[in-house]
PDB file of N, CA and C in Angstrom:
ATOM      1  N   MET A   1       2.855  -2.430  -9.998  1.00  0.00           N
ATOM      2  CA  MET A   1       4.258  -2.582  -9.715  1.00  0.00           C
ATOM      3  C   MET A   1       4.654  -1.602  -8.616  1.00  0.00           C
ATOM      4  N   ILE A   2       5.464  -2.065  -7.687  1.00  0.00           N
ATOM      5  CA  ILE A   2       5.970  -1.217  -6.616  1.00  0.00           C
ATOM      6  C   ILE A   2       7.452  -0.990  -6.861  1.00  0.00           C
ATOM      7  N   LYS A   3       7.865   0.255  -6.768  1.00  0.00           N
ATOM      8  CA  LYS A   3       9.292   0.542  -6.912  1.00  0.00           C
ATOM      9  C   LYS A   3       9.731   1.508  -5.827  1.00  0.00           C
ATOM     10  N   LEU A   4      11.011   1.435  -5.491  1.00  0.00           N
ATOM     11  CA  LEU A   4      11.588   2.331  -4.502  1.00  0.00           C
ATOM     12  C   LEU A   4      11.743   3.703  -5.132  1.00  0.00           C
ATOM     13  N   ALA A   5      11.150   4.711  -4.532  1.00  0.00           N
ATOM     14  CA  ALA A   5      11.236   6.059  -5.072  1.00  0.00           C
ATOM     15  C   ALA A   5      12.310   6.876  -4.363  1.00  0.00           C
ATOM     16  N   GLU A   6      12.453   6.686  -3.064  1.00  0.00           N
ATOM     17  CA  GLU A   6      13.439   7.448  -2.298  1.00  0.00           C
ATOM     18  C   GLU A   6      13.725   6.710  -1.001  1.00  0.00           C
ATOM     19  N   LYS A   7      14.944   6.822  -0.531  1.00  0.00           N
ATOM     20  CA  LYS A   7      15.322   6.145   0.710  1.00  0.00           C
ATOM     21  C   LYS A   7      16.048   7.132   1.611  1.00  0.00           C
ATOM     22  N   GLN A   8      15.595   7.188   2.857  1.00  0.00           N
ATOM     23  CA  GLN A   8      16.280   7.954   3.877  1.00  0.00           C
ATOM     24  C   GLN A   8      16.624   6.989   4.992  1.00  0.00           C
ATOM     25  N   LEU A   9      17.222   7.444   6.050  1.00  0.00           N
ATOM     26  CA  LEU A   9      17.735   6.583   7.104  1.00  0.00           C
ATOM     27  C   LEU A   9      16.794   5.432   7.446  1.00  0.00           C
ATOM     28  N   ASN A  10      15.747   5.653   8.182  1.00  0.00           N
ATOM     29  CA  ASN A  10      14.782   4.604   8.531  1.00  0.00           C
ATOM     30  C   ASN A  10      13.422   4.893   7.917  1.00  0.00           C
ATOM     31  N   HIS A  11      13.443   5.540   6.763  1.00  0.00           N
ATOM     32  CA  HIS A  11      12.194   5.931   6.115  1.00  0.00           C
ATOM     33  C   HIS A  11      12.368   5.761   4.610  1.00  0.00           C
ATOM     34  N   GLN A  12      11.421   5.063   3.995  1.00  0.00           N
ATOM     35  CA  GLN A  12      11.483   4.860   2.552  1.00  0.00           C
ATOM     36  C   GLN A  12      10.181   5.299   1.917  1.00  0.00           C
ATOM     37  N   TYR A  13      10.276   5.658   0.661  1.00  0.00           N
ATOM     38  CA  TYR A  13       9.114   6.050  -0.121  1.00  0.00           C
ATOM     39  C   TYR A  13       9.005   5.105  -1.308  1.00  0.00           C
ATOM     40  N   TRP A  14       7.872   4.426  -1.416  1.00  0.00           N
ATOM     41  CA  TRP A  14       7.620   3.540  -2.538  1.00  0.00           C
ATOM     42  C   TRP A  14       6.539   4.150  -3.409  1.00  0.00           C
ATOM     43  N   GLN A  15       6.609   3.858  -4.688  1.00  0.00           N
ATOM     44  CA  GLN A  15       5.611   4.320  -5.637  1.00  0.00           C
ATOM     45  C   GLN A  15       4.904   3.102  -6.225  1.00  0.00           C
ATOM     46  N   LEU A  16       3.591   3.055  -6.107  1.00  0.00           N
ATOM     47  CA  LEU A  16       2.817   1.970  -6.698  1.00  0.00           C
ATOM     48  C   LEU A  16       2.183   2.507  -7.972  1.00  0.00           C
ATOM     49  N   GLU A  17       2.317   1.776  -9.074  1.00  0.00           N
ATOM     50  CA  GLU A  17       1.841   2.254 -10.369  1.00  0.00           C
ATOM     51  C   GLU A  17       0.931   1.233 -11.042  1.00  0.00           C
ATOM     52  N   GLY A  18       0.040   1.713 -11.881  1.00  0.00           N
ATOM     53  CA  GLY A  18      -0.824   0.833 -12.664  1.00  0.00           C
ATOM     54  C   GLY A  18      -2.162   0.590 -11.987  1.00  0.00           C
ATOM     55  N   ASP A  19      -2.924  -0.317 -12.565  1.00  0.00           N
ATOM     56  CA  ASP A  19      -4.229  -0.665 -12.011  1.00  0.00           C
ATOM     57  C   ASP A  19      -4.089  -1.731 -10.930  1.00  0.00           C
ATOM     58  N   LEU A  20      -4.923  -1.650  -9.927  1.00  0.00           N
ATOM     59  CA  LEU A  20      -5.003  -2.666  -8.880  1.00  0.00           C
ATOM     60  C   LEU A  20      -6.389  -3.308  -8.995  1.00  0.00           C
ATOM     61  N   THR A  21      -6.501  -4.228  -9.921  1.00  0.00           N
ATOM     62  CA  THR A  21      -7.780  -4.875 -10.172  1.00  0.00           C
ATOM     63  C   THR A  21      -7.580  -6.380 -10.261  1.00  0.00           C
ATOM     64  N   ARG A  22      -8.676  -7.096 -10.364  1.00  0.00           N
ATOM     65  CA  ARG A  22      -8.599  -8.557 -10.469  1.00  0.00           C
ATOM     66  C   ARG A  22      -7.858  -8.994 -11.720  1.00  0.00           C
ATOM     67  N   ASP A  23      -7.739  -8.113 -12.712  1.00  0.00           N
ATOM     68  CA  ASP A  23      -7.015  -8.429 -13.940  1.00  0.00           C
ATOM     69  C   ASP A  23      -5.519  -8.124 -13.843  1.00  0.00           C
ATOM     70  N   SER A  24      -5.082  -7.525 -12.732  1.00  0.00           N
ATOM     71  CA  SER A  24      -3.670  -7.177 -12.536  1.00  0.00           C
ATOM     72  C   SER A  24      -2.933  -8.326 -11.860  1.00  0.00           C
ATOM     73  N   ASP A  25      -1.627  -8.356 -12.038  1.00  0.00           N
ATOM     74  CA  ASP A  25      -0.804  -9.326 -11.306  1.00  0.00           C
ATOM     75  C   ASP A  25      -0.545  -8.751  -9.918  1.00  0.00           C
ATOM     76  N   LEU A  26      -1.254  -9.255  -8.938  1.00  0.00           N
ATOM     77  CA  LEU A  26      -1.151  -8.734  -7.570  1.00  0.00           C
ATOM     78  C   LEU A  26      -0.403  -9.706  -6.667  1.00  0.00           C
ATOM     79  N   SER A  27       0.467 -10.494  -7.250  1.00  0.00           N
ATOM     80  CA  SER A  27       1.182 -11.497  -6.461  1.00  0.00           C
ATOM     81  C   SER A  27       2.480 -10.965  -5.864  1.00  0.00           C
ATOM     82  N   TYR A  28       3.001  -9.853  -6.366  1.00  0.00           N
ATOM     83  CA  TYR A  28       4.299  -9.345  -5.923  1.00  0.00           C
ATOM     84  C   TYR A  28       4.192  -8.623  -4.591  1.00  0.00           C
ATOM     85  N   ILE A  29       4.931  -9.107  -3.627  1.00  0.00           N
ATOM     86  CA  ILE A  29       5.087  -8.422  -2.337  1.00  0.00           C
ATOM     87  C   ILE A  29       6.581  -8.178  -2.185  1.00  0.00           C
ATOM     88  N   PRO A  30       7.006  -6.926  -2.083  1.00  0.00           N
ATOM     89  CA  PRO A  30       8.439  -6.657  -1.975  1.00  0.00           C
ATOM     90  C   PRO A  30       9.019  -7.185  -0.664  1.00  0.00           C
ATOM     91  N   ASP A  31      10.311  -7.424  -0.685  1.00  0.00           N
ATOM     92  CA  ASP A  31      10.998  -7.845   0.531  1.00  0.00           C
ATOM     93  C   ASP A  31      10.971  -6.714   1.549  1.00  0.00           C
ATOM     94  N   ALA A  32      11.119  -7.083   2.805  1.00  0.00           N
ATOM     95  CA  ALA A  32      11.181  -6.077   3.865  1.00  0.00           C
ATOM     96  C   ALA A  32      12.324  -5.118   3.550  1.00  0.00           C
ATOM     97  N   PRO A  33      12.073  -3.818   3.587  1.00  0.00           N
ATOM     98  CA  PRO A  33      13.081  -2.852   3.178  1.00  0.00           C
ATOM     99  C   PRO A  33      14.189  -2.603   4.201  1.00  0.00           C
ATOM    100  N   CYS A  34      14.045  -3.134   5.402  1.00  0.00           N
ATOM    101  CA  CYS A  34      15.066  -2.917   6.422  1.00  0.00           C
ATOM    102  C   CYS A  34      15.031  -4.087   7.410  1.00  0.00           C
ATOM    103  N   LYS A  35      16.110  -4.254   8.126  1.00  0.00           N
ATOM    104  CA  LYS A  35      16.195  -5.367   9.080  1.00  0.00           C
ATOM    105  C   LYS A  35      15.461  -5.057  10.366  1.00  0.00           C
ATOM    106  N   ASP A  36      15.559  -3.825  10.816  1.00  0.00           N
ATOM    107  CA  ASP A  36      14.857  -3.398  12.019  1.00  0.00           C
ATOM    108  C   ASP A  36      13.598  -2.658  11.599  1.00  0.00           C
ATOM    109  N   SER A  37      12.912  -2.119  12.569  1.00  0.00           N
ATOM    110  CA  SER A  37      11.682  -1.410  12.250  1.00  0.00           C
ATOM    111  C   SER A  37      11.983  -0.156  11.429  1.00  0.00           C
ATOM    112  N   CYS A  38      11.091   0.141  10.515  1.00  0.00           N
ATOM    113  CA  CYS A  38      11.198   1.369   9.741  1.00  0.00           C
ATOM    114  C   CYS A  38       9.818   1.711   9.207  1.00  0.00           C
ATOM    115  N   GLN A  39       9.718   2.876   8.606  1.00  0.00           N
ATOM    116  CA  GLN A  39       8.455   3.325   8.049  1.00  0.00           C
ATOM    117  C   GLN A  39       8.589   3.429   6.540  1.00  0.00           C
ATOM    118  N   VAL A  40       7.534   3.032   5.844  1.00  0.00           N
ATOM    119  CA  VAL A  40       7.480   3.128   4.393  1.00  0.00           C
ATOM    120  C   VAL A  40       6.212   3.872   4.011  1.00  0.00           C
ATOM    121  N   ASP A  41       6.359   4.968   3.273  1.00  0.00           N
ATOM    122  CA  ASP A  41       5.210   5.647   2.690  1.00  0.00           C
ATOM    123  C   ASP A  41       5.025   5.088   1.295  1.00  0.00           C
ATOM    124  N   VAL A  42       3.823   4.622   0.995  1.00  0.00           N
ATOM    125  CA  VAL A  42       3.519   4.060  -0.317  1.00  0.00           C
ATOM    126  C   VAL A  42       2.575   5.024  -1.026  1.00  0.00           C
ATOM    127  N   SER A  43       3.084   5.668  -2.069  1.00  0.00           N
ATOM    128  CA  SER A  43       2.266   6.604  -2.833  1.00  0.00           C
ATOM    129  C   SER A  43       1.411   5.841  -3.829  1.00  0.00           C
ATOM    130  N   LEU A  44       0.129   6.135  -3.813  1.00  0.00           N
ATOM    131  CA  LEU A  44      -0.822   5.517  -4.728  1.00  0.00           C
ATOM    132  C   LEU A  44      -1.256   6.508  -5.808  1.00  0.00           C
ATOM    133  N   GLU A  45      -0.497   7.578  -5.941  1.00  0.00           N
ATOM    134  CA  GLU A  45      -0.835   8.653  -6.877  1.00  0.00           C
ATOM    135  C   GLU A  45      -0.932   8.166  -8.322  1.00  0.00           C
ATOM    136  N   ASP A  46      -0.085   7.214  -8.708  1.00  0.00           N
ATOM    137  CA  ASP A  46      -0.068   6.728 -10.089  1.00  0.00           C
ATOM    138  C   ASP A  46      -0.865   5.437 -10.279  1.00  0.00           C
ATOM    139  N   VAL A  47      -1.734   5.123  -9.322  1.00  0.00           N
ATOM    140  CA  VAL A  47      -2.619   3.970  -9.480  1.00  0.00           C
ATOM    141  C   VAL A  47      -3.826   4.417 -10.285  1.00  0.00           C
ATOM    142  N   GLY A  48      -4.130   3.647 -11.312  1.00  0.00           N
ATOM    143  CA  GLY A  48      -5.283   3.987 -12.148  1.00  0.00           C
ATOM    144  C   GLY A  48      -6.570   3.536 -11.497  1.00  0.00           C
ATOM    145  N   ARG A  49      -7.001   2.336 -11.810  1.00  0.00           N
ATOM    146  CA  ARG A  49      -8.239   1.791 -11.257  1.00  0.00           C
ATOM    147  C   ARG A  49      -7.908   0.890 -10.077  1.00  0.00           C
ATOM    148  N   ILE A  50      -8.877   0.799  -9.165  1.00  0.00           N
ATOM    149  CA  ILE A  50      -8.732  -0.116  -8.026  1.00  0.00           C
ATOM    150  C   ILE A  50     -10.089  -0.747  -7.769  1.00  0.00           C
ATOM    151  N   ASP A  51     -10.080  -2.054  -7.500  1.00  0.00           N
ATOM    152  CA  ASP A  51     -11.308  -2.748  -7.138  1.00  0.00           C
ATOM    153  C   ASP A  51     -11.050  -3.526  -5.849  1.00  0.00           C
ATOM    154  N   THR A  52     -11.955  -4.432  -5.503  1.00  0.00           N
ATOM    155  CA  THR A  52     -11.805  -5.154  -4.235  1.00  0.00           C
ATOM    156  C   THR A  52     -10.555  -6.025  -4.208  1.00  0.00           C
ATOM    157  N   ALA A  53     -10.119  -6.530  -5.352  1.00  0.00           N
ATOM    158  CA  ALA A  53      -8.874  -7.306  -5.397  1.00  0.00           C
ATOM    159  C   ALA A  53      -7.684  -6.405  -5.060  1.00  0.00           C
ATOM    160  N   GLY A  54      -7.704  -5.192  -5.561  1.00  0.00           N
ATOM    161  CA  GLY A  54      -6.644  -4.231  -5.244  1.00  0.00           C
ATOM    162  C   GLY A  54      -6.665  -3.843  -3.780  1.00  0.00           C
ATOM    163  N   LEU A  55      -7.859  -3.677  -3.235  1.00  0.00           N
ATOM    164  CA  LEU A  55      -7.995  -3.363  -1.811  1.00  0.00           C
ATOM    165  C   LEU A  55      -7.424  -4.495  -0.963  1.00  0.00           C
ATOM    166  N   ALA A  56      -7.738  -5.728  -1.341  1.00  0.00           N
ATOM    167  CA  ALA A  56      -7.198  -6.891  -0.628  1.00  0.00           C
ATOM    168  C   ALA A  56      -5.675  -6.938  -0.733  1.00  0.00           C
ATOM    169  N   TYR A  57      -5.136  -6.557  -1.888  1.00  0.00           N
ATOM    170  CA  TYR A  57      -3.685  -6.526  -2.071  1.00  0.00           C
ATOM    171  C   TYR A  57      -3.035  -5.530  -1.108  1.00  0.00           C
ATOM    172  N   LEU A  58      -3.624  -4.345  -0.973  1.00  0.00           N
ATOM    173  CA  LEU A  58      -3.060  -3.335  -0.067  1.00  0.00           C
ATOM    174  C   LEU A  58      -3.098  -3.833   1.381  1.00  0.00           C
ATOM    175  N   ILE A  59      -4.166  -4.504   1.751  1.00  0.00           N
ATOM    176  CA  ILE A  59      -4.270  -5.062   3.105  1.00  0.00           C
ATOM    177  C   ILE A  59      -3.213  -6.144   3.302  1.00  0.00           C
ATOM    178  N   LYS A  60      -3.057  -7.023   2.325  1.00  0.00           N
ATOM    179  CA  LYS A  60      -2.049  -8.079   2.408  1.00  0.00           C
ATOM    180  C   LYS A  60      -0.647  -7.483   2.523  1.00  0.00           C
ATOM    181  N   LEU A  61      -0.366  -6.465   1.721  1.00  0.00           N
ATOM    182  CA  LEU A  61       0.938  -5.801   1.764  1.00  0.00           C
ATOM    183  C   LEU A  61       1.208  -5.228   3.150  1.00  0.00           C
ATOM    184  N   LYS A  62       0.226  -4.535   3.685  1.00  0.00           N
ATOM    185  CA  LYS A  62       0.384  -3.909   5.003  1.00  0.00           C
ATOM    186  C   LYS A  62       0.586  -4.957   6.097  1.00  0.00           C
ATOM    187  N   LEU A  63      -0.229  -6.009   6.099  1.00  0.00           N
ATOM    188  CA  LEU A  63      -0.145  -7.025   7.146  1.00  0.00           C
ATOM    189  C   LEU A  63       1.126  -7.869   7.034  1.00  0.00           C
ATOM    190  N   GLN A  64       1.508  -8.210   5.821  1.00  0.00           N
ATOM    191  CA  GLN A  64       2.699  -9.040   5.650  1.00  0.00           C
ATOM    192  C   GLN A  64       3.955  -8.291   6.076  1.00  0.00           C
ATOM    193  N   LEU A  65       4.063  -7.021   5.731  1.00  0.00           N
ATOM    194  CA  LEU A  65       5.241  -6.259   6.145  1.00  0.00           C
ATOM    195  C   LEU A  65       5.184  -5.898   7.628  1.00  0.00           C
ATOM    196  N   ALA A  66       3.980  -5.808   8.190  1.00  0.00           N
ATOM    197  CA  ALA A  66       3.852  -5.548   9.627  1.00  0.00           C
ATOM    198  C   ALA A  66       4.447  -6.697  10.434  1.00  0.00           C
ATOM    199  N   ASP A  67       4.387  -7.912   9.876  1.00  0.00           N
ATOM    200  CA  ASP A  67       5.015  -9.060  10.539  1.00  0.00           C
ATOM    201  C   ASP A  67       6.521  -8.877  10.678  1.00  0.00           C
ATOM    202  N   SER A  68       7.109  -8.051   9.804  1.00  0.00           N
ATOM    203  CA  SER A  68       8.543  -7.752   9.868  1.00  0.00           C
ATOM    204  C   SER A  68       8.802  -6.426  10.567  1.00  0.00           C
ATOM    205  N   ASN A  69       7.792  -5.912  11.277  1.00  0.00           N
ATOM    206  CA  ASN A  69       7.882  -4.659  12.024  1.00  0.00           C
ATOM    207  C   ASN A  69       8.090  -3.452  11.104  1.00  0.00           C
ATOM    208  N   ILE A  70       7.505  -3.516   9.909  1.00  0.00           N
ATOM    209  CA  ILE A  70       7.562  -2.420   8.954  1.00  0.00           C
ATOM    210  C   ILE A  70       6.212  -1.715   8.976  1.00  0.00           C
ATOM    211  N   GLN A  71       6.233  -0.416   9.224  1.00  0.00           N
ATOM    212  CA  GLN A  71       4.998   0.371   9.244  1.00  0.00           C
ATOM    213  C   GLN A  71       4.777   0.979   7.862  1.00  0.00           C
ATOM    214  N   ILE A  72       3.614   0.731   7.291  1.00  0.00           N
ATOM    215  CA  ILE A  72       3.288   1.265   5.974  1.00  0.00           C
ATOM    216  C   ILE A  72       2.211   2.330   6.116  1.00  0.00           C
ATOM    217  N   LYS A  73       2.424   3.422   5.412  1.00  0.00           N
ATOM    218  CA  LYS A  73       1.426   4.485   5.343  1.00  0.00           C
ATOM    219  C   LYS A  73       1.112   4.710   3.867  1.00  0.00           C
ATOM    220  N   PHE A  74      -0.156   4.549   3.504  1.00  0.00           N
ATOM    221  CA  PHE A  74      -0.577   4.787   2.133  1.00  0.00           C
ATOM    222  C   PHE A  74      -0.916   6.263   1.974  1.00  0.00           C
ATOM    223  N   ILE A  75      -0.360   6.889   0.940  1.00  0.00           N
ATOM    224  CA  ILE A  75      -0.602   8.312   0.706  1.00  0.00           C
ATOM    225  C   ILE A  75      -1.138   8.499  -0.719  1.00  0.00           C
ATOM    226  N   HIS A  76      -1.865   9.581  -0.923  1.00  0.00           N
ATOM    227  CA  HIS A  76      -2.429   9.944  -2.226  1.00  0.00           C
ATOM    228  C   HIS A  76      -3.336   8.830  -2.759  1.00  0.00           C
ATOM    229  N   GLY A  77      -4.250   8.363  -1.915  1.00  0.00           N
ATOM    230  CA  GLY A  77      -5.074   7.224  -2.264  1.00  0.00           C
ATOM    231  C   GLY A  77      -6.192   7.474  -3.252  1.00  0.00           C
ATOM    232  N   GLY A  78      -6.724   8.631  -3.306  1.00  0.00           N
ATOM    233  CA  GLY A  78      -7.801   8.898  -4.253  1.00  0.00           C
ATOM    234  C   GLY A  78      -9.172   8.536  -3.703  1.00  0.00           C
ATOM    235  N   LYS A  79     -10.197   9.083  -4.349  1.00  0.00           N
ATOM    236  CA  LYS A  79     -11.575   8.917  -3.882  1.00  0.00           C
ATOM    237  C   LYS A  79     -12.055   7.472  -3.955  1.00  0.00           C
ATOM    238  N   ASN A  80     -11.710   6.758  -5.023  1.00  0.00           N
ATOM    239  CA  ASN A  80     -12.201   5.395  -5.180  1.00  0.00           C
ATOM    240  C   ASN A  80     -11.680   4.486  -4.070  1.00  0.00           C
ATOM    241  N   LEU A  81     -10.412   4.619  -3.735  1.00  0.00           N
ATOM    242  CA  LEU A  81      -9.857   3.815  -2.637  1.00  0.00           C
ATOM    243  C   LEU A  81     -10.571   4.136  -1.331  1.00  0.00           C
ATOM    244  N   HIS A  82     -10.793   5.401  -1.072  1.00  0.00           N
ATOM    245  CA  HIS A  82     -11.461   5.784   0.171  1.00  0.00           C
ATOM    246  C   HIS A  82     -12.899   5.253   0.221  1.00  0.00           C
ATOM    247  N   LYS A  83     -13.591   5.285  -0.920  1.00  0.00           N
ATOM    248  CA  LYS A  83     -14.958   4.746  -0.969  1.00  0.00           C
ATOM    249  C   LYS A  83     -14.967   3.243  -0.696  1.00  0.00           C
ATOM    250  N   LEU A  84     -14.059   2.515  -1.349  1.00  0.00           N
ATOM    251  CA  LEU A  84     -13.994   1.062  -1.139  1.00  0.00           C
ATOM    252  C   LEU A  84     -13.634   0.728   0.306  1.00  0.00           C
ATOM    253  N   ALA A  85     -12.637   1.431   0.833  1.00  0.00           N
ATOM    254  CA  ALA A  85     -12.196   1.164   2.203  1.00  0.00           C
ATOM    255  C   ALA A  85     -13.325   1.435   3.201  1.00  0.00           C
ATOM    256  N   LYS A  86     -14.078   2.500   2.962  1.00  0.00           N
ATOM    257  CA  LYS A  86     -15.195   2.807   3.850  1.00  0.00           C
ATOM    258  C   LYS A  86     -16.300   1.754   3.719  1.00  0.00           C
ATOM    259  N   LEU A  87     -16.599   1.359   2.487  1.00  0.00           N
ATOM    260  CA  LEU A  87     -17.636   0.365   2.238  1.00  0.00           C
ATOM    261  C   LEU A  87     -17.329  -0.949   2.956  1.00  0.00           C
ATOM    262  N   TYR A  88     -16.062  -1.357   2.959  1.00  0.00           N
ATOM    263  CA  TYR A  88     -15.669  -2.627   3.574  1.00  0.00           C
ATOM    264  C   TYR A  88     -15.133  -2.469   4.999  1.00  0.00           C
ATOM    265  N   GLY A  89     -15.147  -1.247   5.521  1.00  0.00           N
ATOM    266  CA  GLY A  89     -14.780  -1.013   6.915  1.00  0.00           C
ATOM    267  C   GLY A  89     -13.311  -1.223   7.224  1.00  0.00           C
ATOM    268  N   VAL A  90     -12.436  -0.915   6.271  1.00  0.00           N
ATOM    269  CA  VAL A  90     -11.000  -1.130   6.491  1.00  0.00           C
ATOM    270  C   VAL A  90     -10.193   0.166   6.456  1.00  0.00           C
ATOM    271  N   GLN A  91     -10.845   1.322   6.610  1.00  0.00           N
ATOM    272  CA  GLN A  91     -10.116   2.590   6.590  1.00  0.00           C
ATOM    273  C   GLN A  91      -9.047   2.623   7.675  1.00  0.00           C
ATOM    274  N   THR A  92      -9.415   2.224   8.881  1.00  0.00           N
ATOM    275  CA  THR A  92      -8.463   2.235   9.992  1.00  0.00           C
ATOM    276  C   THR A  92      -7.318   1.256   9.762  1.00  0.00           C
ATOM    277  N   LEU A  93      -7.636   0.080   9.291  1.00  0.00           N
ATOM    278  CA  LEU A  93      -6.603  -0.917   9.000  1.00  0.00           C
ATOM    279  C   LEU A  93      -5.597  -0.386   7.988  1.00  0.00           C
ATOM    280  N   LEU A  94      -6.090   0.314   6.979  1.00  0.00           N
ATOM    281  CA  LEU A  94      -5.198   0.860   5.955  1.00  0.00           C
ATOM    282  C   LEU A  94      -4.603   2.211   6.348  1.00  0.00           C
ATOM    283  N   GLY A  95      -5.062   2.773   7.466  1.00  0.00           N
ATOM    284  CA  GLY A  95      -4.533   4.055   7.914  1.00  0.00           C
ATOM    285  C   GLY A  95      -5.061   5.225   7.099  1.00  0.00           C
ATOM    286  N   LEU A  96      -6.269   5.091   6.573  1.00  0.00           N
ATOM    287  CA  LEU A  96      -6.876   6.157   5.786  1.00  0.00           C
ATOM    288  C   LEU A  96      -7.794   6.971   6.669  1.00  0.00           C
ATOM    289  N   SER A  97      -7.771   8.290   6.470  1.00  0.00           N
ATOM    290  CA  SER A  97      -8.674   9.142   7.242  1.00  0.00           C
ATOM    291  C   SER A  97     -10.062   9.097   6.633  1.00  0.00           C
ATOM    292  N   GLU A  98     -11.025   9.437   7.410  1.00  0.00           N
ATOM    293  CA  GLU A  98     -12.434   9.402   6.962  1.00  0.00           C
ATOM    294  C   GLU A  98     -12.673  10.352   5.820  1.00  0.00           C
TER     295      GLU A  98
END
């Protein structure tokens, strides 16, 4: 589940919670948070488990909101996310450092 944690002028903070696995409901994509371009930091600190379905969800979220000129930055991703992203070569796409 994604929820709005904090909102500033053209910057929002979202919190993603729960597991991001093939057994999770990964169909929810939030509406664009602003009409013009803005930045959204998505904290993954409260994400439990993540698998390739969860990784695909994060990519879908980033690309779909990018179509609305929304820049997403994933923060507090954890070791498992970084390992998966590196394994599948999507660190740059997700904006994760090596």
